[in-house]
Amino acid sequence: MAFASADFRAQAAKCERASQTPGVSVRQADMLMAIARSWKTLANQTDRLAEVMHDETEGAY
């Protein structure tokens, strides 16, 4: 698969760290945390897609 959930989780962690950087405004921090949540959602969806693809390959629908 071209996308790895670990990569998405790493991006989420970067956004979370950036949100805690000194000098980042509350508004910026909120937006960074929202982006982090989106990266986590993509990671979870990617994991689920891999499970579905595996199940379908195995013939278990």
N, C-alpha and C. Protein backbone atom coordinates (compact mmCIF):
# COMPACT_ATOMS: atom_id res chain seq x y z
N MET A 1 0.85 -1.18 0.00
CA MET A 1 0.00 0.00 0.00
C MET A 1 0.89 1.24 0.00
N ALA A 2 0.51 2.22 -0.73
CA ALA A 2 1.32 3.42 -0.88
C ALA A 2 1.36 4.27 0.38
N PHE A 3 0.32 4.18 1.19
CA PHE A 3 0.25 4.99 2.39
C PHE A 3 0.35 4.09 3.61
N ALA A 4 1.17 4.48 4.56
CA ALA A 4 1.31 3.70 5.79
C ALA A 4 0.71 4.48 6.95
N SER A 5 -0.09 3.80 7.74
CA SER A 5 -0.73 4.48 8.87
C SER A 5 0.31 5.05 9.83
N ALA A 6 1.46 4.40 9.93
CA ALA A 6 2.52 4.92 10.82
C ALA A 6 2.99 6.30 10.35
N ASP A 7 3.03 6.51 9.05
CA ASP A 7 3.42 7.82 8.52
C ASP A 7 2.38 8.88 8.90
N PHE A 8 1.11 8.53 8.82
CA PHE A 8 0.05 9.47 9.20
C PHE A 8 0.11 9.78 10.69
N ARG A 9 0.40 8.77 11.49
CA ARG A 9 0.51 9.00 12.94
C ARG A 9 1.73 9.88 13.26
N ALA A 10 2.79 9.72 12.49
CA ALA A 10 3.97 10.57 12.68
C ALA A 10 3.64 12.03 12.35
N GLN A 11 2.86 12.23 11.29
CA GLN A 11 2.45 13.60 10.95
C GLN A 11 1.56 14.18 12.05
N ALA A 12 0.68 13.36 12.60
CA ALA A 12 -0.17 13.82 13.70
C ALA A 12 0.68 14.26 14.88
N ALA A 13 1.69 13.47 15.19
CA ALA A 13 2.57 13.81 16.32
C ALA A 13 3.32 15.12 16.07
N LYS A 14 3.74 15.34 14.82
CA LYS A 14 4.41 16.60 14.48
C LYS A 14 3.48 17.79 14.71
N CYS A 15 2.24 17.63 14.30
CA CYS A 15 1.27 18.72 14.49
C CYS A 15 1.02 18.97 15.97
N GLU A 16 0.92 17.89 16.73
CA GLU A 16 0.71 18.05 18.17
C GLU A 16 1.88 18.77 18.82
N ARG A 17 3.10 18.39 18.43
CA ARG A 17 4.28 19.07 18.98
C ARG A 17 4.31 20.53 18.56
N ALA A 18 3.98 20.79 17.31
CA ALA A 18 3.99 22.17 16.81
C ALA A 18 2.97 23.02 17.56
N SER A 19 1.86 22.41 17.96
CA SER A 19 0.82 23.16 18.66
C SER A 19 1.30 23.62 20.05
N GLN A 20 2.33 22.97 20.55
CA GLN A 20 2.84 23.30 21.89
C GLN A 20 4.11 24.14 21.84
N THR A 21 4.49 24.58 20.65
CA THR A 21 5.68 25.39 20.47
C THR A 21 5.46 26.77 21.08
N PRO A 22 6.43 27.25 21.84
CA PRO A 22 6.28 28.61 22.38
C PRO A 22 6.05 29.62 21.26
N GLY A 23 5.15 30.54 21.50
CA GLY A 23 4.85 31.58 20.53
C GLY A 23 3.71 31.24 19.58
N VAL A 24 3.24 29.99 19.62
CA VAL A 24 2.10 29.61 18.78
C VAL A 24 0.84 30.13 19.46
N SER A 25 0.03 30.81 18.69
CA SER A 25 -1.20 31.37 19.26
C SER A 25 -2.20 30.26 19.57
N VAL A 26 -3.16 30.58 20.38
CA VAL A 26 -4.22 29.62 20.73
C VAL A 26 -4.95 29.19 19.47
N ARG A 27 -5.22 30.13 18.59
CA ARG A 27 -5.93 29.80 17.34
C ARG A 27 -5.10 28.85 16.48
N GLN A 28 -3.82 29.14 16.36
CA GLN A 28 -2.94 28.25 15.60
C GLN A 28 -2.86 26.87 16.24
N ALA A 29 -2.75 26.84 17.56
CA ALA A 29 -2.67 25.56 18.27
C ALA A 29 -3.95 24.75 18.06
N ASP A 30 -5.08 25.41 18.10
CA ASP A 30 -6.35 24.72 17.86
C ASP A 30 -6.39 24.13 16.45
N MET A 31 -5.93 24.89 15.49
CA MET A 31 -5.94 24.41 14.10
C MET A 31 -4.96 23.24 13.93
N LEU A 32 -3.79 23.34 14.54
CA LEU A 32 -2.83 22.24 14.47
C LEU A 32 -3.38 20.97 15.11
N MET A 33 -4.10 21.12 16.20
CA MET A 33 -4.69 19.94 16.85
C MET A 33 -5.80 19.35 15.98
N ALA A 34 -6.54 20.20 15.29
CA ALA A 34 -7.57 19.70 14.37
C ALA A 34 -6.91 18.93 13.22
N ILE A 35 -5.81 19.44 12.72
CA ILE A 35 -5.08 18.74 11.65
C ILE A 35 -4.54 17.42 12.19
N ALA A 36 -4.03 17.42 13.40
CA ALA A 36 -3.54 16.17 14.02
C ALA A 36 -4.65 15.13 14.09
N ARG A 37 -5.84 15.56 14.47
CA ARG A 37 -6.97 14.63 14.52
C ARG A 37 -7.28 14.07 13.13
N SER A 38 -7.17 14.92 12.12
CA SER A 38 -7.40 14.45 10.75
C SER A 38 -6.36 13.41 10.34
N TRP A 39 -5.09 13.64 10.69
CA TRP A 39 -4.05 12.65 10.39
C TRP A 39 -4.34 11.33 11.10
N LYS A 40 -4.80 11.42 12.35
CA LYS A 40 -5.13 10.19 13.10
C LYS A 40 -6.30 9.46 12.45
N THR A 41 -7.27 10.21 11.98
CA THR A 41 -8.41 9.61 11.29
C THR A 41 -7.95 8.89 10.03
N LEU A 42 -7.08 9.52 9.26
CA LEU A 42 -6.53 8.87 8.07
C LEU A 42 -5.78 7.59 8.43
N ALA A 43 -5.03 7.64 9.52
CA ALA A 43 -4.29 6.45 9.96
C ALA A 43 -5.26 5.32 10.29
N ASN A 44 -6.31 5.64 11.02
CA ASN A 44 -7.29 4.62 11.39
C ASN A 44 -8.01 4.06 10.16
N GLN A 45 -8.36 4.94 9.24
CA GLN A 45 -9.04 4.50 8.02
C GLN A 45 -8.11 3.63 7.17
N THR A 46 -6.84 3.98 7.13
CA THR A 46 -5.86 3.19 6.39
C THR A 46 -5.72 1.80 7.00
N ASP A 47 -5.67 1.75 8.34
CA ASP A 47 -5.62 0.45 9.01
C ASP A 47 -6.84 -0.39 8.67
N ARG A 48 -7.99 0.24 8.70
CA ARG A 48 -9.24 -0.47 8.40
C ARG A 48 -9.26 -0.96 6.96
N LEU A 49 -8.80 -0.13 6.03
CA LEU A 49 -8.74 -0.53 4.63
C LEU A 49 -7.83 -1.74 4.47
N ALA A 50 -6.70 -1.74 5.14
CA ALA A 50 -5.79 -2.89 5.05
C ALA A 50 -6.46 -4.15 5.57
N GLU A 51 -7.23 -4.03 6.65
CA GLU A 51 -7.97 -5.18 7.19
C GLU A 51 -8.99 -5.69 6.18
N VAL A 52 -9.73 -4.79 5.58
CA VAL A 52 -10.76 -5.18 4.60
C VAL A 52 -10.10 -5.85 3.39
N MET A 53 -9.02 -5.27 2.92
CA MET A 53 -8.33 -5.85 1.77
C MET A 53 -7.81 -7.24 2.11
N HIS A 54 -7.29 -7.40 3.31
CA HIS A 54 -6.80 -8.71 3.74
C HIS A 54 -7.95 -9.70 3.81
N ASP A 55 -9.04 -9.28 4.45
CA ASP A 55 -10.21 -10.16 4.58
C ASP A 55 -10.75 -10.58 3.22
N GLU A 56 -10.82 -9.65 2.29
CA GLU A 56 -11.34 -9.96 0.98
C GLU A 56 -10.40 -10.87 0.20
N THR A 57 -9.12 -10.71 0.41
CA THR A 57 -8.15 -11.59 -0.23
C THR A 57 -8.29 -13.01 0.31
N GLU A 58 -8.60 -13.12 1.59
CA GLU A 58 -8.77 -14.41 2.23
C GLU A 58 -10.14 -15.01 1.92
N GLY A 59 -11.03 -14.20 1.34
CA GLY A 59 -12.36 -14.68 1.00
C GLY A 59 -13.36 -14.57 2.13
N ALA A 60 -12.99 -13.86 3.19
CA ALA A 60 -13.91 -13.68 4.34
C ALA A 60 -14.56 -12.32 4.24
N TYR A 61 -15.77 -12.27 3.79
CA TYR A 61 -16.48 -10.98 3.67
C TYR A 61 -17.22 -10.73 4.92
